[in-house]
Amino acid sequence: MVNYKEYIKEYKNFPIDGINYLDINPIYQNSKIRDTLVTDCMENIVDMIPPTFDYIGVIESRGFLIGSIIAHLLDKGIVLLRSKKDRLPGKIYTVKHELEYGESMVQVQEGSGKVLVFDDVLATGGTATGSIECLTKAGYTPVGALFLVELDFLKPSLSVPYKSIIHYE
Protein backbone atom coordinates (compact mmCIF):
# COMPACT_ATOMS: atom_id res chain seq x y z
CA MET A 1 0.00 0.00 0.00
CA VAL A 2 1.46 3.33 -1.07
CA ASN A 3 1.24 6.31 1.25
CA TYR A 4 0.34 8.83 -1.44
CA LYS A 5 0.42 11.69 1.05
CA GLU A 6 4.22 11.40 1.06
CA TYR A 7 4.15 12.61 -2.55
CA ILE A 8 1.49 15.32 -2.24
CA LYS A 9 2.82 18.80 -1.51
CA GLU A 10 0.72 21.29 0.43
CA TYR A 11 0.82 25.01 -0.33
CA LYS A 12 -0.70 27.23 2.33
CA ASN A 13 -2.80 30.24 1.33
CA PHE A 14 -3.10 29.23 -2.32
CA PRO A 15 -4.96 30.22 -4.47
CA ILE A 16 -6.26 32.61 -1.78
CA ASP A 17 -5.64 33.18 1.93
CA GLY A 18 -7.10 30.45 4.10
CA ILE A 19 -6.96 27.70 1.46
CA ASN A 20 -4.34 24.96 1.60
CA TYR A 21 -3.74 23.65 -1.92
CA LEU A 22 -2.83 19.99 -2.35
CA ASP A 23 -0.42 19.59 -5.27
CA ILE A 24 -0.74 16.12 -6.78
CA ASN A 25 1.77 16.83 -9.56
CA PRO A 26 4.59 14.91 -7.81
CA ILE A 27 2.45 11.76 -8.15
CA TYR A 28 1.89 12.46 -11.85
CA GLN A 29 5.65 12.93 -12.32
CA ASN A 30 6.51 9.54 -10.81
CA SER A 31 5.35 6.90 -13.31
CA LYS A 32 5.45 4.01 -10.81
CA ILE A 33 3.41 5.86 -8.17
CA ARG A 34 1.02 7.22 -10.83
CA ASP A 35 0.48 3.70 -12.21
CA THR A 36 -0.20 2.38 -8.70
CA LEU A 37 -2.74 5.17 -8.17
CA VAL A 38 -4.45 4.25 -11.45
CA THR A 39 -4.60 0.61 -10.31
CA ASP A 40 -6.16 1.69 -7.00
CA CYS A 41 -8.70 3.78 -8.93
CA MET A 42 -9.59 0.81 -11.14
CA GLU A 43 -10.10 -1.43 -8.10
CA ASN A 44 -12.37 1.15 -6.46
CA ILE A 45 -14.48 1.53 -9.61
CA VAL A 46 -15.09 -2.21 -9.81
CA ASP A 47 -15.78 -2.34 -6.05
CA MET A 48 -18.11 0.70 -6.14
CA ILE A 49 -20.30 -0.25 -9.08
CA PRO A 50 -19.81 -2.65 -11.94
CA PRO A 51 -18.19 -0.70 -14.79
CA THR A 52 -21.45 -0.72 -16.75
CA PHE A 53 -21.30 3.00 -17.47
CA ASP A 54 -20.59 4.38 -20.93
CA TYR A 55 -18.32 7.33 -20.12
CA ILE A 56 -15.90 8.78 -17.66
CA GLY A 57 -16.93 12.40 -17.10
CA VAL A 58 -13.59 14.13 -16.60
CA ILE A 59 -13.64 17.47 -14.81
CA GLU A 60 -11.32 20.19 -16.09
CA SER A 61 -8.48 20.23 -15.81
CA ARG A 62 -6.77 17.89 -13.39
CA GLY A 63 -9.51 15.28 -13.77
CA PHE A 64 -8.50 14.99 -17.44
CA LEU A 65 -5.16 13.37 -16.58
CA ILE A 66 -5.91 10.18 -14.65
CA GLY A 67 -9.53 10.07 -15.88
CA SER A 68 -8.33 9.68 -19.45
CA ILE A 69 -6.04 6.81 -18.48
CA ILE A 70 -8.90 5.06 -16.66
CA ALA A 71 -11.24 5.53 -19.63
CA HIS A 72 -8.60 4.02 -21.91
CA LEU A 73 -8.04 1.01 -19.65
CA LEU A 74 -11.79 0.38 -19.29
CA ASP A 75 -12.44 1.01 -23.00
CA LYS A 76 -14.95 3.74 -22.10
CA GLY A 77 -15.66 7.06 -23.75
CA ILE A 78 -14.89 10.45 -22.25
CA VAL A 79 -17.25 13.34 -21.59
CA LEU A 80 -15.47 16.65 -21.03
CA LEU A 81 -16.76 18.79 -18.17
CA ARG A 82 -15.26 22.20 -18.93
CA SER A 83 -14.84 25.06 -16.48
CA LYS A 84 -13.73 27.49 -19.18
CA LYS A 85 -16.75 29.14 -20.76
CA ASP A 86 -17.67 28.41 -24.37
CA ARG A 87 -14.84 25.98 -25.14
CA LEU A 88 -17.19 23.27 -26.41
CA PRO A 89 -19.02 23.35 -29.76
CA GLY A 90 -22.63 22.39 -30.44
CA LYS A 91 -25.47 22.33 -27.93
CA ILE A 92 -23.98 22.88 -24.46
CA TYR A 93 -25.42 23.11 -20.97
CA THR A 94 -24.07 25.32 -18.20
CA VAL A 95 -24.40 25.10 -14.42
CA LYS A 96 -22.94 27.62 -11.96
CA HIS A 97 -21.74 26.25 -8.63
CA GLU A 98 -20.03 27.21 -5.39
CA LEU A 99 -16.41 26.39 -4.61
CA GLU A 100 -14.69 26.29 -1.25
CA TYR A 101 -13.21 29.68 -2.15
CA GLY A 102 -15.61 31.27 -4.65
CA GLU A 103 -17.85 30.52 -7.59
CA SER A 104 -17.33 28.72 -10.87
CA MET A 105 -19.26 27.05 -13.65
CA VAL A 106 -19.22 23.85 -15.64
CA GLN A 107 -20.29 23.17 -19.23
CA VAL A 108 -20.93 19.93 -21.08
CA GLN A 109 -22.13 19.01 -24.56
CA GLU A 110 -25.57 17.48 -24.99
CA GLY A 111 -25.59 13.70 -25.03
CA SER A 112 -26.87 10.54 -23.41
CA GLY A 113 -25.52 7.53 -21.56
CA LYS A 114 -24.35 6.57 -18.09
CA VAL A 115 -21.44 8.59 -16.70
CA LEU A 116 -18.96 8.03 -13.87
CA VAL A 117 -17.72 11.47 -12.78
CA PHE A 118 -13.98 11.72 -12.10
CA ASP A 119 -11.93 14.50 -10.51
CA ASP A 120 -8.75 14.94 -8.53
CA VAL A 121 -10.07 16.51 -5.30
CA LEU A 122 -13.44 16.40 -3.53
CA ALA A 123 -13.56 19.36 -1.13
CA THR A 124 -17.00 20.81 -0.42
CA GLY A 125 -18.56 18.91 -3.32
CA GLY A 126 -19.49 22.04 -5.28
CA THR A 127 -17.71 21.17 -8.51
CA ALA A 128 -18.88 17.55 -8.45
CA THR A 129 -22.47 18.58 -7.65
CA GLY A 130 -22.41 21.16 -10.46
CA SER A 131 -21.02 18.53 -12.83
CA ILE A 132 -23.69 15.99 -11.88
CA GLU A 133 -26.42 18.61 -12.36
CA CYS A 134 -24.95 19.73 -15.69
CA LEU A 135 -24.67 16.15 -16.99
CA THR A 136 -28.29 15.50 -16.04
CA LYS A 137 -29.50 18.69 -17.78
CA ALA A 138 -27.53 17.68 -20.89
CA GLY A 139 -29.22 14.26 -21.10
CA TYR A 140 -26.73 11.99 -19.33
CA THR A 141 -27.30 9.76 -16.31
CA PRO A 142 -24.61 10.20 -13.64
CA VAL A 143 -24.19 6.84 -11.86
CA GLY A 144 -21.31 7.52 -9.49
CA ALA A 145 -18.12 9.43 -8.90
CA LEU A 146 -14.48 8.75 -8.09
CA PHE A 147 -11.90 11.15 -6.66
CA LEU A 148 -8.19 10.90 -6.04
CA VAL A 149 -8.36 12.95 -2.80
CA GLU A 150 -11.22 13.71 -0.41
CA LEU A 151 -11.09 16.43 2.23
CA ASP A 152 -13.23 14.58 4.81
CA PHE A 153 -13.10 17.48 7.28
CA LEU A 154 -15.23 19.57 4.87
CA LYS A 155 -17.95 16.87 5.00
CA PRO A 156 -18.76 16.70 1.27
CA SER A 157 -21.88 14.89 0.11
CA LEU A 158 -23.11 13.98 -3.36
CA SER A 159 -26.35 12.73 -4.87
CA VAL A 160 -24.55 9.70 -6.39
CA PRO A 161 -22.43 6.99 -4.74
CA TYR A 162 -18.73 7.86 -4.69
CA LYS A 163 -15.33 6.78 -3.47
CA SER A 164 -12.02 8.51 -2.89
CA ILE A 165 -8.56 6.95 -2.84
CA ILE A 166 -6.77 9.33 -0.46
CA HIS A 167 -8.42 10.89 2.59
CA TYR A 168 -7.50 13.97 4.63
CA GLU A 169 -9.30 13.94 7.98
C-alpha atoms as a PDB file:
ATOM      1  CA  MET A   1       0.000   0.000   0.000  1.00  0.00           C
ATOM      2  CA  VAL A   2       1.460   3.326  -1.073  1.00  0.00           C
ATOM      3  CA  ASN A   3       1.236   6.311   1.255  1.00  0.00           C
ATOM      4  CA  TYR A   4       0.335   8.826  -1.438  1.00  0.00           C
ATOM      5  CA  LYS A   5       0.416  11.689   1.055  1.00  0.00           C
ATOM      6  CA  GLU A   6       4.219  11.396   1.058  1.00  0.00           C
ATOM      7  CA  TYR A   7       4.152  12.613  -2.551  1.00  0.00           C
ATOM      8  CA  ILE A   8       1.493  15.324  -2.241  1.00  0.00           C
ATOM      9  CA  LYS A   9       2.815  18.801  -1.511  1.00  0.00           C
ATOM     10  CA  GLU A  10       0.722  21.289   0.426  1.00  0.00           C
ATOM     11  CA  TYR A  11       0.817  25.012  -0.335  1.00  0.00           C
ATOM     12  CA  LYS A  12      -0.702  27.227   2.335  1.00  0.00           C
ATOM     13  CA  ASN A  13      -2.800  30.238   1.329  1.00  0.00           C
ATOM     14  CA  PHE A  14      -3.103  29.234  -2.324  1.00  0.00           C
ATOM     15  CA  PRO A  15      -4.955  30.219  -4.466  1.00  0.00           C
ATOM     16  CA  ILE A  16      -6.262  32.607  -1.776  1.00  0.00           C
ATOM     17  CA  ASP A  17      -5.636  33.183   1.932  1.00  0.00           C
ATOM     18  CA  GLY A  18      -7.096  30.447   4.096  1.00  0.00           C
ATOM     19  CA  ILE A  19      -6.960  27.700   1.464  1.00  0.00           C
ATOM     20  CA  ASN A  20      -4.345  24.956   1.600  1.00  0.00           C
ATOM     21  CA  TYR A  21      -3.743  23.654  -1.920  1.00  0.00           C
ATOM     22  CA  LEU A  22      -2.825  19.993  -2.348  1.00  0.00           C
ATOM     23  CA  ASP A  23      -0.418  19.594  -5.272  1.00  0.00           C
ATOM     24  CA  ILE A  24      -0.744  16.116  -6.783  1.00  0.00           C
ATOM     25  CA  ASN A  25       1.767  16.829  -9.558  1.00  0.00           C
ATOM     26  CA  PRO A  26       4.592  14.907  -7.811  1.00  0.00           C
ATOM     27  CA  ILE A  27       2.452  11.756  -8.149  1.00  0.00           C
ATOM     28  CA  TYR A  28       1.895  12.459 -11.851  1.00  0.00           C
ATOM     29  CA  GLN A  29       5.655  12.926 -12.322  1.00  0.00           C
ATOM     30  CA  ASN A  30       6.515   9.537 -10.814  1.00  0.00           C
ATOM     31  CA  SER A  31       5.348   6.903 -13.309  1.00  0.00           C
ATOM     32  CA  LYS A  32       5.447   4.010 -10.814  1.00  0.00           C
ATOM     33  CA  ILE A  33       3.413   5.860  -8.167  1.00  0.00           C
ATOM     34  CA  ARG A  34       1.021   7.224 -10.827  1.00  0.00           C
ATOM     35  CA  ASP A  35       0.476   3.704 -12.210  1.00  0.00           C
ATOM     36  CA  THR A  36      -0.204   2.383  -8.697  1.00  0.00           C
ATOM     37  CA  LEU A  37      -2.738   5.174  -8.175  1.00  0.00           C
ATOM     38  CA  VAL A  38      -4.445   4.254 -11.452  1.00  0.00           C
ATOM     39  CA  THR A  39      -4.603   0.605 -10.310  1.00  0.00           C
ATOM     40  CA  ASP A  40      -6.156   1.695  -7.005  1.00  0.00           C
ATOM     41  CA  CYS A  41      -8.700   3.776  -8.928  1.00  0.00           C
ATOM     42  CA  MET A  42      -9.593   0.810 -11.136  1.00  0.00           C
ATOM     43  CA  GLU A  43     -10.097  -1.434  -8.097  1.00  0.00           C
ATOM     44  CA  ASN A  44     -12.367   1.153  -6.460  1.00  0.00           C
ATOM     45  CA  ILE A  45     -14.478   1.529  -9.610  1.00  0.00           C
ATOM     46  CA  VAL A  46     -15.087  -2.212  -9.806  1.00  0.00           C
ATOM     47  CA  ASP A  47     -15.783  -2.340  -6.052  1.00  0.00           C
ATOM     48  CA  MET A  48     -18.106   0.698  -6.139  1.00  0.00           C
ATOM     49  CA  ILE A  49     -20.305  -0.249  -9.078  1.00  0.00           C
ATOM     50  CA  PRO A  50     -19.810  -2.647 -11.945  1.00  0.00           C
ATOM     51  CA  PRO A  51     -18.195  -0.704 -14.789  1.00  0.00           C
ATOM     52  CA  THR A  52     -21.452  -0.720 -16.752  1.00  0.00           C
ATOM     53  CA  PHE A  53     -21.297   2.997 -17.473  1.00  0.00           C
ATOM     54  CA  ASP A  54     -20.588   4.385 -20.927  1.00  0.00           C
ATOM     55  CA  TYR A  55     -18.324   7.328 -20.123  1.00  0.00           C
ATOM     56  CA  ILE A  56     -15.898   8.777 -17.655  1.00  0.00           C
ATOM     57  CA  GLY A  57     -16.933  12.396 -17.099  1.00  0.00           C
ATOM     58  CA  VAL A  58     -13.588  14.127 -16.605  1.00  0.00           C
ATOM     59  CA  ILE A  59     -13.637  17.472 -14.805  1.00  0.00           C
ATOM     60  CA  GLU A  60     -11.315  20.194 -16.086  1.00  0.00           C
ATOM     61  CA  SER A  61      -8.476  20.225 -15.808  1.00  0.00           C
ATOM     62  CA  ARG A  62      -6.772  17.894 -13.391  1.00  0.00           C
ATOM     63  CA  GLY A  63      -9.512  15.281 -13.774  1.00  0.00           C
ATOM     64  CA  PHE A  64      -8.501  14.986 -17.437  1.00  0.00           C
ATOM     65  CA  LEU A  65      -5.162  13.365 -16.576  1.00  0.00           C
ATOM     66  CA  ILE A  66      -5.914  10.184 -14.646  1.00  0.00           C
ATOM     67  CA  GLY A  67      -9.531  10.070 -15.875  1.00  0.00           C
ATOM     68  CA  SER A  68      -8.325   9.680 -19.452  1.00  0.00           C
ATOM     69  CA  ILE A  69      -6.036   6.808 -18.476  1.00  0.00           C
ATOM     70  CA  ILE A  70      -8.899   5.061 -16.658  1.00  0.00           C
ATOM     71  CA  ALA A  71     -11.242   5.535 -19.626  1.00  0.00           C
ATOM     72  CA  HIS A  72      -8.604   4.021 -21.912  1.00  0.00           C
ATOM     73  CA  LEU A  73      -8.036   1.010 -19.655  1.00  0.00           C
ATOM     74  CA  LEU A  74     -11.792   0.383 -19.291  1.00  0.00           C
ATOM     75  CA  ASP A  75     -12.445   1.013 -23.000  1.00  0.00           C
ATOM     76  CA  LYS A  76     -14.954   3.745 -22.096  1.00  0.00           C
ATOM     77  CA  GLY A  77     -15.655   7.060 -23.754  1.00  0.00           C
ATOM     78  CA  ILE A  78     -14.888  10.449 -22.249  1.00  0.00           C
ATOM     79  CA  VAL A  79     -17.252  13.335 -21.589  1.00  0.00           C
ATOM     80  CA  LEU A  80     -15.467  16.652 -21.026  1.00  0.00           C
ATOM     81  CA  LEU A  81     -16.755  18.788 -18.165  1.00  0.00           C
ATOM     82  CA  ARG A  82     -15.259  22.197 -18.928  1.00  0.00           C
ATOM     83  CA  SER A  83     -14.840  25.063 -16.478  1.00  0.00           C
ATOM     84  CA  LYS A  84     -13.726  27.495 -19.177  1.00  0.00           C
ATOM     85  CA  LYS A  85     -16.746  29.140 -20.756  1.00  0.00           C
ATOM     86  CA  ASP A  86     -17.670  28.406 -24.371  1.00  0.00           C
ATOM     87  CA  ARG A  87     -14.840  25.978 -25.136  1.00  0.00           C
ATOM     88  CA  LEU A  88     -17.192  23.273 -26.408  1.00  0.00           C
ATOM     89  CA  PRO A  89     -19.025  23.347 -29.758  1.00  0.00           C
ATOM     90  CA  GLY A  90     -22.626  22.393 -30.436  1.00  0.00           C
ATOM     91  CA  LYS A  91     -25.466  22.325 -27.927  1.00  0.00           C
ATOM     92  CA  ILE A  92     -23.983  22.883 -24.464  1.00  0.00           C
ATOM     93  CA  TYR A  93     -25.419  23.115 -20.975  1.00  0.00           C
ATOM     94  CA  THR A  94     -24.069  25.319 -18.203  1.00  0.00           C
ATOM     95  CA  VAL A  95     -24.397  25.105 -14.416  1.00  0.00           C
ATOM     96  CA  LYS A  96     -22.938  27.622 -11.955  1.00  0.00           C
ATOM     97  CA  HIS A  97     -21.740  26.248  -8.632  1.00  0.00           C
ATOM     98  CA  GLU A  98     -20.030  27.213  -5.385  1.00  0.00           C
ATOM     99  CA  LEU A  99     -16.415  26.386  -4.608  1.00  0.00           C
ATOM    100  CA  GLU A 100     -14.693  26.287  -1.250  1.00  0.00           C
ATOM    101  CA  TYR A 101     -13.213  29.677  -2.151  1.00  0.00           C
ATOM    102  CA  GLY A 102     -15.611  31.271  -4.645  1.00  0.00           C
ATOM    103  CA  GLU A 103     -17.853  30.517  -7.590  1.00  0.00           C
ATOM    104  CA  SER A 104     -17.328  28.716 -10.874  1.00  0.00           C
ATOM    105  CA  MET A 105     -19.258  27.053 -13.654  1.00  0.00           C
ATOM    106  CA  VAL A 106     -19.217  23.854 -15.644  1.00  0.00           C
ATOM    107  CA  GLN A 107     -20.287  23.172 -19.229  1.00  0.00           C
ATOM    108  CA  VAL A 108     -20.931  19.930 -21.080  1.00  0.00           C
ATOM    109  CA  GLN A 109     -22.131  19.012 -24.556  1.00  0.00           C
ATOM    110  CA  GLU A 110     -25.572  17.477 -24.994  1.00  0.00           C
ATOM    111  CA  GLY A 111     -25.590  13.697 -25.034  1.00  0.00           C
ATOM    112  CA  SER A 112     -26.868  10.536 -23.408  1.00  0.00           C
ATOM    113  CA  GLY A 113     -25.522   7.533 -21.560  1.00  0.00           C
ATOM    114  CA  LYS A 114     -24.350   6.569 -18.089  1.00  0.00           C
ATOM    115  CA  VAL A 115     -21.440   8.589 -16.702  1.00  0.00           C
ATOM    116  CA  LEU A 116     -18.962   8.028 -13.873  1.00  0.00           C
ATOM    117  CA  VAL A 117     -17.722  11.475 -12.780  1.00  0.00           C
ATOM    118  CA  PHE A 118     -13.981  11.723 -12.099  1.00  0.00           C
ATOM    119  CA  ASP A 119     -11.928  14.501 -10.515  1.00  0.00           C
ATOM    120  CA  ASP A 120      -8.755  14.938  -8.532  1.00  0.00           C
ATOM    121  CA  VAL A 121     -10.071  16.512  -5.297  1.00  0.00           C
ATOM    122  CA  LEU A 122     -13.436  16.405  -3.533  1.00  0.00           C
ATOM    123  CA  ALA A 123     -13.558  19.357  -1.130  1.00  0.00           C
ATOM    124  CA  THR A 124     -17.005  20.812  -0.416  1.00  0.00           C
ATOM    125  CA  GLY A 125     -18.557  18.912  -3.322  1.00  0.00           C
ATOM    126  CA  GLY A 126     -19.489  22.044  -5.275  1.00  0.00           C
ATOM    127  CA  THR A 127     -17.708  21.173  -8.507  1.00  0.00           C
ATOM    128  CA  ALA A 128     -18.879  17.555  -8.451  1.00  0.00           C
ATOM    129  CA  THR A 129     -22.475  18.585  -7.645  1.00  0.00           C
ATOM    130  CA  GLY A 130     -22.412  21.158 -10.456  1.00  0.00           C
ATOM    131  CA  SER A 131     -21.016  18.534 -12.827  1.00  0.00           C
ATOM    132  CA  ILE A 132     -23.687  15.986 -11.881  1.00  0.00           C
ATOM    133  CA  GLU A 133     -26.418  18.606 -12.357  1.00  0.00           C
ATOM    134  CA  CYS A 134     -24.955  19.729 -15.691  1.00  0.00           C
ATOM    135  CA  LEU A 135     -24.668  16.153 -16.990  1.00  0.00           C
ATOM    136  CA  THR A 136     -28.289  15.502 -16.041  1.00  0.00           C
ATOM    137  CA  LYS A 137     -29.495  18.686 -17.780  1.00  0.00           C
ATOM    138  CA  ALA A 138     -27.527  17.679 -20.891  1.00  0.00           C
ATOM    139  CA  GLY A 139     -29.223  14.262 -21.101  1.00  0.00           C
ATOM    140  CA  TYR A 140     -26.731  11.987 -19.328  1.00  0.00           C
ATOM    141  CA  THR A 141     -27.305   9.756 -16.311  1.00  0.00           C
ATOM    142  CA  PRO A 142     -24.605  10.199 -13.636  1.00  0.00           C
ATOM    143  CA  VAL A 143     -24.193   6.839 -11.857  1.00  0.00           C
ATOM    144  CA  GLY A 144     -21.314   7.516  -9.489  1.00  0.00           C
ATOM    145  CA  ALA A 145     -18.121   9.425  -8.897  1.00  0.00           C
ATOM    146  CA  LEU A 146     -14.485   8.752  -8.089  1.00  0.00           C
ATOM    147  CA  PHE A 147     -11.904  11.151  -6.658  1.00  0.00           C
ATOM    148  CA  LEU A 148      -8.194  10.896  -6.038  1.00  0.00           C
ATOM    149  CA  VAL A 149      -8.360  12.948  -2.805  1.00  0.00           C
ATOM    150  CA  GLU A 150     -11.219  13.712  -0.412  1.00  0.00           C
ATOM    151  CA  LEU A 151     -11.093  16.427   2.232  1.00  0.00           C
ATOM    152  CA  ASP A 152     -13.228  14.584   4.806  1.00  0.00           C
ATOM    153  CA  PHE A 153     -13.105  17.481   7.282  1.00  0.00           C
ATOM    154  CA  LEU A 154     -15.231  19.568   4.868  1.00  0.00           C
ATOM    155  CA  LYS A 155     -17.946  16.870   4.999  1.00  0.00           C
ATOM    156  CA  PRO A 156     -18.764  16.701   1.274  1.00  0.00           C
ATOM    157  CA  SER A 157     -21.881  14.886   0.110  1.00  0.00           C
ATOM    158  CA  LEU A 158     -23.109  13.983  -3.362  1.00  0.00           C
ATOM    159  CA  SER A 159     -26.354  12.728  -4.868  1.00  0.00           C
ATOM    160  CA  VAL A 160     -24.552   9.698  -6.387  1.00  0.00           C
ATOM    161  CA  PRO A 161     -22.432   6.993  -4.735  1.00  0.00           C
ATOM    162  CA  TYR A 162     -18.731   7.858  -4.690  1.00  0.00           C
ATOM    163  CA  LYS A 163     -15.326   6.783  -3.474  1.00  0.00           C
ATOM    164  CA  SER A 164     -12.021   8.512  -2.886  1.00  0.00           C
ATOM    165  CA  ILE A 165      -8.561   6.954  -2.843  1.00  0.00           C
ATOM    166  CA  ILE A 166      -6.765   9.331  -0.461  1.00  0.00           C
ATOM    167  CA  HIS A 167      -8.424  10.893   2.587  1.00  0.00           C
ATOM    168  CA  TYR A 168      -7.495  13.970   4.628  1.00  0.00           C
ATOM    169  CA  GLU A 169      -9.297  13.937   7.984  1.00  0.00           C
END
